Amino acid sequence: MIEILKAIPFFAQLSDEDLAAIGEKVQMQYFGPEQVIFEQGDYGEEMYIIKRGKVQVLRDFSIIAELSNNAFFGEMALVSEEPRNATIKAIDETEALVLKKDDFRQLLETKPSIASTVSYEVVKRANQLS
């Protein structure tokens, strides 16, 4: 699990100890081809990390990106109360690691190093998307 998390830019700067703590909280979820994972405007409670597969990112019904192995999405839901800014739909069978907001908040309370690193990455990612 640590090696998978290390490959994700959002978590790449964390220590093995911090990554292990995150790894204990994530759950595997499976999505079939064409399955909508979440829709633009939905309230978000989790982020996703693609272990295997491919998804489309749609905004206002237009495809704006495709994401595959080790990519992540939905991370803003962990730190914001804003609705989802895009729809995510699986293109093929997709396995994703899921980190729920409540679990993430518990990690931030017990592991300050995660809080500072992830805060930096969230700001960087938000600037890229604007």
C-alpha atoms as a PDB file:
ATOM      1  CA  MET A   1       0.000   0.000   0.000  1.00  0.00           C
ATOM      2  CA  ILE A   2       2.834   2.411   0.845  1.00  0.00           C
ATOM      3  CA  GLU A   3       4.329   2.031  -2.646  1.00  0.00           C
ATOM      4  CA  ILE A   4       0.972   2.824  -4.270  1.00  0.00           C
ATOM      5  CA  LEU A   5       0.532   5.924  -2.103  1.00  0.00           C
ATOM      6  CA  LYS A   6       4.116   7.077  -2.791  1.00  0.00           C
ATOM      7  CA  ALA A   7       3.345   7.133  -6.509  1.00  0.00           C
ATOM      8  CA  ILE A   8       0.584   9.702  -5.967  1.00  0.00           C
ATOM      9  CA  PRO A   9       1.773  13.315  -6.064  1.00  0.00           C
ATOM     10  CA  PHE A  10      -0.752  14.273  -3.384  1.00  0.00           C
ATOM     11  CA  PHE A  11       1.046  12.013  -0.865  1.00  0.00           C
ATOM     12  CA  ALA A  12       4.540  11.654  -2.379  1.00  0.00           C
ATOM     13  CA  GLN A  13       6.312  13.867   0.179  1.00  0.00           C
ATOM     14  CA  LEU A  14       4.976  12.011   3.223  1.00  0.00           C
ATOM     15  CA  SER A  15       7.063   9.670   5.355  1.00  0.00           C
ATOM     16  CA  ASP A  16       6.537   5.909   5.246  1.00  0.00           C
ATOM     17  CA  GLU A  17       4.993   6.167   8.712  1.00  0.00           C
ATOM     18  CA  ASP A  18       2.441   8.726   7.516  1.00  0.00           C
ATOM     19  CA  LEU A  19       1.720   6.700   4.384  1.00  0.00           C
ATOM     20  CA  ALA A  20       1.153   3.585   6.506  1.00  0.00           C
ATOM     21  CA  ALA A  21      -1.349   5.528   8.625  1.00  0.00           C
ATOM     22  CA  ILE A  22      -3.212   6.592   5.475  1.00  0.00           C
ATOM     23  CA  GLY A  23      -3.021   3.041   4.113  1.00  0.00           C
ATOM     24  CA  GLU A  24      -4.867   1.762   7.172  1.00  0.00           C
ATOM     25  CA  LYS A  25      -7.777   4.081   6.377  1.00  0.00           C
ATOM     26  CA  VAL A  26      -8.273   3.504   2.648  1.00  0.00           C
ATOM     27  CA  GLN A  27     -10.738   0.995   1.236  1.00  0.00           C
ATOM     28  CA  MET A  28     -10.843  -0.617  -2.202  1.00  0.00           C
ATOM     29  CA  GLN A  29     -13.848   0.082  -4.400  1.00  0.00           C
ATOM     30  CA  TYR A  30     -14.678  -1.320  -7.849  1.00  0.00           C
ATOM     31  CA  PHE A  31     -16.470   0.437 -10.702  1.00  0.00           C
ATOM     32  CA  GLY A  32     -17.745  -1.071 -13.933  1.00  0.00           C
ATOM     33  CA  PRO A  33     -17.405   0.444 -17.402  1.00  0.00           C
ATOM     34  CA  GLU A  34     -19.573   3.551 -17.844  1.00  0.00           C
ATOM     35  CA  GLN A  35     -20.391   3.666 -14.108  1.00  0.00           C
ATOM     36  CA  VAL A  36     -20.680   7.201 -12.747  1.00  0.00           C
ATOM     37  CA  ILE A  37     -18.568   7.517  -9.600  1.00  0.00           C
ATOM     38  CA  PHE A  38     -19.943  10.941  -8.701  1.00  0.00           C
ATOM     39  CA  GLU A  39     -21.643  13.829 -10.452  1.00  0.00           C
ATOM     40  CA  GLN A  40     -20.847  17.512 -10.733  1.00  0.00           C
ATOM     41  CA  GLY A  41     -22.714  19.330  -7.968  1.00  0.00           C
ATOM     42  CA  ASP A  42     -22.775  16.344  -5.594  1.00  0.00           C
ATOM     43  CA  TYR A  43     -21.569  16.843  -2.045  1.00  0.00           C
ATOM     44  CA  GLY A  44     -18.263  15.001  -1.610  1.00  0.00           C
ATOM     45  CA  GLU A  45     -17.217  12.796   1.282  1.00  0.00           C
ATOM     46  CA  GLU A  46     -14.165  11.026  -0.170  1.00  0.00           C
ATOM     47  CA  MET A  47     -11.215  11.125  -2.527  1.00  0.00           C
ATOM     48  CA  TYR A  48     -10.232   8.373  -4.948  1.00  0.00           C
ATOM     49  CA  ILE A  49      -6.889   7.006  -6.124  1.00  0.00           C
ATOM     50  CA  ILE A  50      -6.977   4.863  -9.250  1.00  0.00           C
ATOM     51  CA  LYS A  51      -5.126   1.617  -8.658  1.00  0.00           C
ATOM     52  CA  ARG A  52      -6.110   0.131 -12.028  1.00  0.00           C
ATOM     53  CA  GLY A  53      -8.396   1.408 -14.760  1.00  0.00           C
ATOM     54  CA  LYS A  54      -9.383   4.656 -16.413  1.00  0.00           C
ATOM     55  CA  VAL A  55     -11.970   7.380 -15.773  1.00  0.00           C
ATOM     56  CA  GLN A  56     -13.291  10.410 -17.616  1.00  0.00           C
ATOM     57  CA  VAL A  57     -13.556  13.817 -15.999  1.00  0.00           C
ATOM     58  CA  LEU A  58     -16.551  15.746 -17.346  1.00  0.00           C
ATOM     59  CA  ARG A  59     -17.487  19.329 -16.612  1.00  0.00           C
ATOM     60  CA  ASP A  60     -20.827  20.605 -17.908  1.00  0.00           C
ATOM     61  CA  PHE A  61     -21.139  17.367 -19.953  1.00  0.00           C
ATOM     62  CA  SER A  62     -17.823  17.915 -21.793  1.00  0.00           C
ATOM     63  CA  ILE A  63     -14.834  15.625 -21.328  1.00  0.00           C
ATOM     64  CA  ILE A  64     -11.980  17.670 -19.883  1.00  0.00           C
ATOM     65  CA  ALA A  65      -9.579  14.858 -18.943  1.00  0.00           C
ATOM     66  CA  GLU A  66      -8.963  11.143 -18.654  1.00  0.00           C
ATOM     67  CA  LEU A  67      -7.190   9.732 -15.637  1.00  0.00           C
ATOM     68  CA  SER A  68      -5.623   6.308 -15.155  1.00  0.00           C
ATOM     69  CA  ASN A  69      -3.338   4.339 -12.838  1.00  0.00           C
ATOM     70  CA  ASN A  70      -2.060   6.281  -9.807  1.00  0.00           C
ATOM     71  CA  ALA A  71      -4.055   9.384 -10.673  1.00  0.00           C
ATOM     72  CA  PHE A  72      -6.360  10.791  -8.022  1.00  0.00           C
ATOM     73  CA  PHE A  73      -9.542  12.808  -7.966  1.00  0.00           C
ATOM     74  CA  GLY A  74     -12.082  14.166  -5.515  1.00  0.00           C
ATOM     75  CA  GLU A  75      -9.379  15.340  -3.111  1.00  0.00           C
ATOM     76  CA  MET A  76     -10.979  18.744  -2.610  1.00  0.00           C
ATOM     77  CA  ALA A  77     -13.854  17.002  -0.813  1.00  0.00           C
ATOM     78  CA  LEU A  78     -11.442  16.208   2.014  1.00  0.00           C
ATOM     79  CA  VAL A  79     -10.733  19.847   2.750  1.00  0.00           C
ATOM     80  CA  SER A  80     -13.723  21.761   1.403  1.00  0.00           C
ATOM     81  CA  GLU A  81     -17.487  21.853   1.756  1.00  0.00           C
ATOM     82  CA  GLU A  82     -17.866  22.906  -1.893  1.00  0.00           C
ATOM     83  CA  PRO A  83     -19.861  20.663  -4.242  1.00  0.00           C
ATOM     84  CA  ARG A  84     -18.007  18.480  -6.736  1.00  0.00           C
ATOM     85  CA  ASN A  85     -16.750  20.558  -9.665  1.00  0.00           C
ATOM     86  CA  ALA A  86     -16.885  17.694 -12.181  1.00  0.00           C
ATOM     87  CA  THR A  87     -18.512  14.362 -12.964  1.00  0.00           C
ATOM     88  CA  ILE A  88     -16.284  11.281 -12.876  1.00  0.00           C
ATOM     89  CA  LYS A  89     -17.221   8.224 -14.935  1.00  0.00           C
ATOM     90  CA  ALA A  90     -15.321   4.942 -15.273  1.00  0.00           C
ATOM     91  CA  ILE A  91     -14.279   4.157 -18.838  1.00  0.00           C
ATOM     92  CA  ASP A  92     -13.248   0.554 -18.149  1.00  0.00           C
ATOM     93  CA  GLU A  93     -13.291  -1.615 -15.067  1.00  0.00           C
ATOM     94  CA  THR A  94     -11.616   0.479 -12.422  1.00  0.00           C
ATOM     95  CA  GLU A  95     -10.246  -0.301  -8.981  1.00  0.00           C
ATOM     96  CA  ALA A  96      -9.830   2.713  -6.742  1.00  0.00           C
ATOM     97  CA  LEU A  97      -8.573   3.304  -3.241  1.00  0.00           C
ATOM     98  CA  VAL A  98     -11.039   5.469  -1.344  1.00  0.00           C
ATOM     99  CA  LEU A  99     -10.204   7.760   1.569  1.00  0.00           C
ATOM    100  CA  LYS A 100     -13.211   9.121   3.437  1.00  0.00           C
ATOM    101  CA  LYS A 101     -13.330  12.655   4.833  1.00  0.00           C
ATOM    102  CA  ASP A 102     -13.900  11.547   8.449  1.00  0.00           C
ATOM    103  CA  ASP A 103     -10.894   9.208   8.304  1.00  0.00           C
ATOM    104  CA  PHE A 104      -8.796  11.955   6.743  1.00  0.00           C
ATOM    105  CA  ARG A 105      -9.764  14.411   9.491  1.00  0.00           C
ATOM    106  CA  GLN A 106      -8.768  11.880  12.163  1.00  0.00           C
ATOM    107  CA  LEU A 107      -5.383  11.526  10.448  1.00  0.00           C
ATOM    108  CA  LEU A 108      -4.904  15.300  10.414  1.00  0.00           C
ATOM    109  CA  GLU A 109      -5.575  15.474  14.147  1.00  0.00           C
ATOM    110  CA  THR A 110      -3.106  12.718  15.000  1.00  0.00           C
ATOM    111  CA  LYS A 111      -0.449  13.355  12.330  1.00  0.00           C
ATOM    112  CA  PRO A 112       0.354  17.083  11.889  1.00  0.00           C
ATOM    113  CA  SER A 113       2.944  16.255   9.206  1.00  0.00           C
ATOM    114  CA  ILE A 114       0.149  14.946   6.974  1.00  0.00           C
ATOM    115  CA  ALA A 115      -1.813  18.159   7.500  1.00  0.00           C
ATOM    116  CA  SER A 116       0.987  20.465   6.375  1.00  0.00           C
ATOM    117  CA  THR A 117       2.010  18.405   3.342  1.00  0.00           C
ATOM    118  CA  VAL A 118      -1.518  17.799   2.124  1.00  0.00           C
ATOM    119  CA  SER A 119      -2.512  21.438   2.654  1.00  0.00           C
ATOM    120  CA  TYR A 120       0.327  22.499   0.366  1.00  0.00           C
ATOM    121  CA  GLU A 121      -0.675  19.949  -2.296  1.00  0.00           C
ATOM    122  CA  VAL A 122      -4.354  20.983  -2.137  1.00  0.00           C
ATOM    123  CA  VAL A 123      -3.477  24.643  -2.722  1.00  0.00           C
ATOM    124  CA  LYS A 124      -1.162  23.699  -5.588  1.00  0.00           C
ATOM    125  CA  ARG A 125      -3.831  21.489  -7.185  1.00  0.00           C
ATOM    126  CA  ALA A 126      -6.545  24.143  -6.756  1.00  0.00           C
ATOM    127  CA  ASN A 127      -4.320  26.701  -8.519  1.00  0.00           C
ATOM    128  CA  GLN A 128      -3.789  24.267 -11.414  1.00  0.00           C
ATOM    129  CA  LEU A 129      -7.520  23.760 -11.833  1.00  0.00           C
ATOM    130  CA  SER A 130      -8.473  27.438 -11.833  1.00  0.00           C
END
